Amino acid sequence: MTPSPTEPLPLILYSRRGCCLCEGLEQRLRELALHTLAPPLQLQVIDIDGAGVDPSLRARYDLEVPVLALPAGVLPRVSPRLSGEGLFRWLQRACATRLGSD
């Protein structure tokens, strides 16, 4: 099923409470206008240590967080130095590559 052009895709941030890299990336992503990307995105944060989280997610991302993913798969690791317009452009390229619309 292909989402409508106006319906945002989930941008999933696999994260962990107390992880400075995770919290920093979440903050920088929340400062971006993700809805203006093509396709528009909506941030969803999943704490891999949270109650009800599938143990396989915890096992998979335990030593890897923060991890960004789309429904189509995991995105490359983002530099902790990227923010603002640089992070926005990186995200646009990474999504285009992952979604095959490059």
N, C-alpha and C. Protein backbone atom coordinates (compact mmCIF):
# COMPACT_ATOMS: atom_id res chain seq x y z
N MET A 1 0.84 -1.18 0.00
CA MET A 1 0.00 0.00 0.00
C MET A 1 0.88 1.24 0.00
N THR A 2 0.68 2.12 -0.96
CA THR A 2 1.44 3.35 -1.06
C THR A 2 0.67 4.47 -0.36
N PRO A 3 1.33 5.20 0.56
CA PRO A 3 0.63 6.27 1.25
C PRO A 3 0.31 7.41 0.28
N SER A 4 -0.72 8.18 0.59
CA SER A 4 -1.05 9.32 -0.25
C SER A 4 0.05 10.36 -0.12
N PRO A 5 0.23 11.22 -1.14
CA PRO A 5 1.31 12.21 -1.09
C PRO A 5 1.20 13.16 0.10
N THR A 6 0.00 13.36 0.62
CA THR A 6 -0.16 14.29 1.74
C THR A 6 -0.07 13.60 3.09
N GLU A 7 -0.17 12.29 3.12
CA GLU A 7 -0.09 11.55 4.37
C GLU A 7 1.37 11.31 4.73
N PRO A 8 1.80 11.81 5.89
CA PRO A 8 3.22 11.65 6.24
C PRO A 8 3.60 10.20 6.52
N LEU A 9 4.82 9.87 6.13
CA LEU A 9 5.40 8.56 6.47
C LEU A 9 5.99 8.65 7.87
N PRO A 10 5.97 7.57 8.62
CA PRO A 10 6.63 7.61 9.92
C PRO A 10 8.15 7.59 9.76
N LEU A 11 8.80 8.49 10.43
CA LEU A 11 10.26 8.48 10.57
C LEU A 11 10.49 7.98 11.98
N ILE A 12 10.95 6.76 12.10
CA ILE A 12 11.08 6.12 13.41
C ILE A 12 12.49 6.34 13.95
N LEU A 13 12.55 6.84 15.17
CA LEU A 13 13.81 7.00 15.88
C LEU A 13 13.83 5.96 16.99
N TYR A 14 14.65 4.92 16.80
CA TYR A 14 14.86 3.95 17.88
C TYR A 14 15.85 4.59 18.83
N SER A 15 15.47 4.70 20.07
CA SER A 15 16.17 5.52 21.03
C SER A 15 16.23 4.84 22.38
N ARG A 16 16.91 5.49 23.31
CA ARG A 16 16.99 4.99 24.68
C ARG A 16 17.01 6.21 25.60
N ARG A 17 16.18 6.18 26.62
CA ARG A 17 16.16 7.26 27.59
C ARG A 17 17.53 7.36 28.27
N GLY A 18 18.04 8.58 28.40
CA GLY A 18 19.33 8.80 29.05
C GLY A 18 20.51 8.73 28.09
N CYS A 19 20.26 8.43 26.82
CA CYS A 19 21.33 8.39 25.81
C CYS A 19 21.47 9.79 25.22
N CYS A 20 22.63 10.41 25.44
CA CYS A 20 22.80 11.80 24.99
C CYS A 20 22.75 11.90 23.46
N LEU A 21 23.26 10.91 22.74
CA LEU A 21 23.18 10.93 21.28
C LEU A 21 21.74 10.83 20.81
N CYS A 22 20.97 9.95 21.45
CA CYS A 22 19.55 9.76 21.10
C CYS A 22 18.76 11.04 21.36
N GLU A 23 18.94 11.60 22.54
CA GLU A 23 18.20 12.79 22.92
C GLU A 23 18.59 14.00 22.06
N GLY A 24 19.86 14.08 21.71
CA GLY A 24 20.31 15.17 20.85
C GLY A 24 19.72 15.07 19.45
N LEU A 25 19.70 13.87 18.89
CA LEU A 25 19.13 13.68 17.56
C LEU A 25 17.63 13.96 17.59
N GLU A 26 16.94 13.47 18.62
CA GLU A 26 15.50 13.73 18.71
C GLU A 26 15.23 15.23 18.75
N GLN A 27 15.98 15.96 19.53
CA GLN A 27 15.79 17.41 19.63
C GLN A 27 16.02 18.08 18.28
N ARG A 28 17.10 17.70 17.59
CA ARG A 28 17.41 18.31 16.29
C ARG A 28 16.34 17.97 15.26
N LEU A 29 15.80 16.74 15.29
CA LEU A 29 14.74 16.35 14.36
C LEU A 29 13.45 17.12 14.65
N ARG A 30 13.15 17.33 15.91
CA ARG A 30 11.92 18.06 16.27
C ARG A 30 11.98 19.52 15.84
N GLU A 31 13.16 20.05 15.64
CA GLU A 31 13.32 21.44 15.19
C GLU A 31 13.13 21.58 13.68
N LEU A 32 13.08 20.47 12.96
CA LEU A 32 12.93 20.51 11.50
C LEU A 32 11.47 20.47 11.09
N ALA A 33 11.19 21.04 9.94
CA ALA A 33 9.84 20.98 9.36
C ALA A 33 9.75 19.70 8.54
N LEU A 34 9.63 18.56 9.23
CA LEU A 34 9.64 17.26 8.56
C LEU A 34 8.47 17.11 7.59
N HIS A 35 7.38 17.80 7.85
CA HIS A 35 6.21 17.71 6.97
C HIS A 35 6.45 18.35 5.61
N THR A 36 7.54 19.13 5.45
CA THR A 36 7.82 19.77 4.17
C THR A 36 8.75 18.94 3.29
N LEU A 37 9.26 17.83 3.82
CA LEU A 37 10.10 16.95 3.01
C LEU A 37 9.25 16.24 1.96
N ALA A 38 9.92 15.69 0.97
CA ALA A 38 9.22 14.89 -0.05
C ALA A 38 9.75 13.47 0.04
N PRO A 39 9.00 12.54 0.58
CA PRO A 39 7.65 12.64 1.13
C PRO A 39 7.66 13.28 2.52
N PRO A 40 6.52 13.81 2.94
CA PRO A 40 6.45 14.37 4.29
C PRO A 40 6.64 13.27 5.33
N LEU A 41 7.30 13.63 6.42
CA LEU A 41 7.58 12.66 7.48
C LEU A 41 6.97 13.12 8.80
N GLN A 42 6.71 12.15 9.67
CA GLN A 42 6.25 12.43 11.03
C GLN A 42 7.11 11.60 11.98
N LEU A 43 7.78 12.26 12.90
CA LEU A 43 8.68 11.60 13.83
C LEU A 43 7.92 10.74 14.84
N GLN A 44 8.39 9.50 14.98
CA GLN A 44 7.90 8.59 16.01
C GLN A 44 9.12 8.08 16.77
N VAL A 45 9.13 8.28 18.07
CA VAL A 45 10.26 7.86 18.90
C VAL A 45 9.88 6.57 19.62
N ILE A 46 10.72 5.57 19.50
CA ILE A 46 10.51 4.30 20.20
C ILE A 46 11.68 4.07 21.13
N ASP A 47 11.38 4.06 22.44
CA ASP A 47 12.40 3.77 23.46
C ASP A 47 12.54 2.24 23.48
N ILE A 48 13.69 1.74 23.06
CA ILE A 48 13.87 0.29 22.95
C ILE A 48 13.84 -0.41 24.30
N ASP A 49 13.95 0.36 25.38
CA ASP A 49 13.87 -0.22 26.72
C ASP A 49 12.47 -0.04 27.33
N GLY A 50 11.55 0.54 26.56
CA GLY A 50 10.21 0.83 27.07
C GLY A 50 9.37 -0.42 27.27
N ALA A 51 8.39 -0.29 28.13
CA ALA A 51 7.45 -1.39 28.38
C ALA A 51 6.69 -1.70 27.10
N GLY A 52 6.54 -2.97 26.83
CA GLY A 52 5.78 -3.39 25.67
C GLY A 52 6.55 -3.41 24.37
N VAL A 53 7.82 -3.03 24.40
CA VAL A 53 8.63 -3.05 23.17
C VAL A 53 9.06 -4.49 22.90
N ASP A 54 8.92 -4.88 21.66
CA ASP A 54 9.30 -6.23 21.24
C ASP A 54 10.76 -6.49 21.62
N PRO A 55 11.05 -7.57 22.34
CA PRO A 55 12.43 -7.87 22.73
C PRO A 55 13.39 -8.00 21.54
N SER A 56 12.86 -8.35 20.38
CA SER A 56 13.74 -8.45 19.20
C SER A 56 14.24 -7.07 18.77
N LEU A 57 13.43 -6.02 18.97
CA LEU A 57 13.89 -4.66 18.67
C LEU A 57 15.01 -4.26 19.62
N ARG A 58 14.82 -4.59 20.90
CA ARG A 58 15.85 -4.27 21.89
C ARG A 58 17.15 -5.00 21.54
N ALA A 59 17.04 -6.26 21.20
CA ALA A 59 18.23 -7.05 20.85
C ALA A 59 18.90 -6.50 19.60
N ARG A 60 18.10 -6.10 18.63
CA ARG A 60 18.65 -5.63 17.34
C ARG A 60 19.36 -4.29 17.47
N TYR A 61 18.78 -3.36 18.24
CA TYR A 61 19.30 -1.99 18.29
C TYR A 61 19.99 -1.63 19.59
N ASP A 62 20.17 -2.59 20.50
CA ASP A 62 20.72 -2.33 21.82
C ASP A 62 22.00 -1.50 21.80
N LEU A 63 22.94 -1.88 20.97
CA LEU A 63 24.23 -1.18 20.90
C LEU A 63 24.32 -0.20 19.73
N GLU A 64 23.21 -0.01 19.02
CA GLU A 64 23.23 0.80 17.80
C GLU A 64 22.53 2.15 17.94
N VAL A 65 21.70 2.34 18.97
CA VAL A 65 20.92 3.58 19.06
C VAL A 65 21.83 4.79 19.11
N PRO A 66 21.40 5.90 18.52
CA PRO A 66 20.13 6.13 17.86
C PRO A 66 20.11 5.57 16.42
N VAL A 67 18.95 5.05 16.04
CA VAL A 67 18.76 4.49 14.70
C VAL A 67 17.52 5.14 14.10
N LEU A 68 17.66 5.63 12.86
CA LEU A 68 16.52 6.19 12.13
C LEU A 68 16.05 5.18 11.10
N ALA A 69 14.74 5.05 10.94
CA ALA A 69 14.19 4.10 9.97
C ALA A 69 12.90 4.65 9.38
N LEU A 70 12.65 4.21 8.17
CA LEU A 70 11.38 4.42 7.47
C LEU A 70 10.71 3.07 7.36
N PRO A 71 9.45 3.02 6.96
CA PRO A 71 8.83 1.72 6.73
C PRO A 71 9.61 0.87 5.72
N ALA A 72 10.34 1.51 4.80
CA ALA A 72 11.12 0.80 3.79
C ALA A 72 12.45 0.27 4.32
N GLY A 73 12.85 0.66 5.54
CA GLY A 73 14.09 0.15 6.11
C GLY A 73 14.88 1.21 6.85
N VAL A 74 15.99 0.77 7.40
CA VAL A 74 16.86 1.61 8.22
C VAL A 74 17.65 2.57 7.34
N LEU A 75 17.80 3.81 7.83
CA LEU A 75 18.59 4.82 7.14
C LEU A 75 20.04 4.73 7.60
N PRO A 76 20.97 5.27 6.82
CA PRO A 76 22.37 5.28 7.26
C PRO A 76 22.51 6.07 8.56
N ARG A 77 23.57 5.79 9.28
CA ARG A 77 23.81 6.50 10.55
C ARG A 77 24.06 7.98 10.25
N VAL A 78 23.40 8.82 11.00
CA VAL A 78 23.53 10.27 10.82
C VAL A 78 24.62 10.80 11.75
N SER A 79 25.40 11.74 11.23
CA SER A 79 26.46 12.36 12.03
C SER A 79 25.85 13.18 13.16
N PRO A 80 26.38 13.05 14.38
CA PRO A 80 25.86 13.86 15.48
C PRO A 80 26.16 15.35 15.30
N ARG A 81 27.00 15.68 14.33
CA ARG A 81 27.35 17.09 14.08
C ARG A 81 26.34 17.79 13.17
N LEU A 82 25.52 17.00 12.46
CA LEU A 82 24.55 17.61 11.54
C LEU A 82 23.37 18.18 12.31
N SER A 83 22.99 19.39 11.94
CA SER A 83 21.80 20.00 12.53
C SER A 83 21.23 20.99 11.52
N GLY A 84 20.07 21.47 11.81
CA GLY A 84 19.45 22.49 10.98
C GLY A 84 19.33 22.09 9.53
N GLU A 85 19.69 23.02 8.65
CA GLU A 85 19.56 22.81 7.21
C GLU A 85 20.40 21.62 6.72
N GLY A 86 21.57 21.41 7.31
CA GLY A 86 22.41 20.27 6.92
C GLY A 86 21.72 18.95 7.21
N LEU A 87 21.10 18.83 8.38
CA LEU A 87 20.37 17.62 8.74
C LEU A 87 19.15 17.45 7.84
N PHE A 88 18.47 18.54 7.54
CA PHE A 88 17.30 18.49 6.66
C PHE A 88 17.69 17.95 5.28
N ARG A 89 18.77 18.50 4.70
CA ARG A 89 19.23 18.05 3.37
C ARG A 89 19.69 16.59 3.42
N TRP A 90 20.40 16.18 4.48
CA TRP A 90 20.83 14.79 4.62
C TRP A 90 19.62 13.87 4.66
N LEU A 91 18.62 14.25 5.43
CA LEU A 91 17.42 13.44 5.57
C LEU A 91 16.68 13.33 4.24
N GLN A 92 16.61 14.42 3.48
CA GLN A 92 15.96 14.38 2.17
C GLN A 92 16.68 13.41 1.24
N ARG A 93 18.01 13.47 1.21
CA ARG A 93 18.79 12.55 0.35
C ARG A 93 18.66 11.10 0.82
N ALA A 94 18.75 10.88 2.12
CA ALA A 94 18.67 9.53 2.66
C ALA A 94 17.30 8.91 2.37
N CYS A 95 16.25 9.70 2.51
CA CYS A 95 14.90 9.19 2.23
C CYS A 95 14.72 8.90 0.75
N ALA A 96 15.22 9.78 -0.10
CA ALA A 96 15.09 9.57 -1.54
C ALA A 96 15.82 8.30 -1.95
N THR A 97 16.99 8.08 -1.39
CA THR A 97 17.75 6.87 -1.71
C THR A 97 17.03 5.63 -1.20
N ARG A 98 16.57 5.65 0.05
CA ARG A 98 15.92 4.50 0.66
C ARG A 98 14.60 4.17 -0.03
N LEU A 99 13.89 5.22 -0.47
CA LEU A 99 12.57 5.01 -1.08
C LEU A 99 12.66 4.84 -2.59
N GLY A 100 13.87 4.94 -3.15
CA GLY A 100 14.06 4.69 -4.58
C GLY A 100 13.57 5.81 -5.48
N SER A 101 13.51 7.02 -4.95
CA SER A 101 13.07 8.16 -5.80
C SER A 101 14.20 9.12 -6.03
N ASP A 102 15.40 8.64 -6.05
CA ASP A 102 16.58 9.47 -6.23
C ASP A 102 16.74 9.89 -7.67
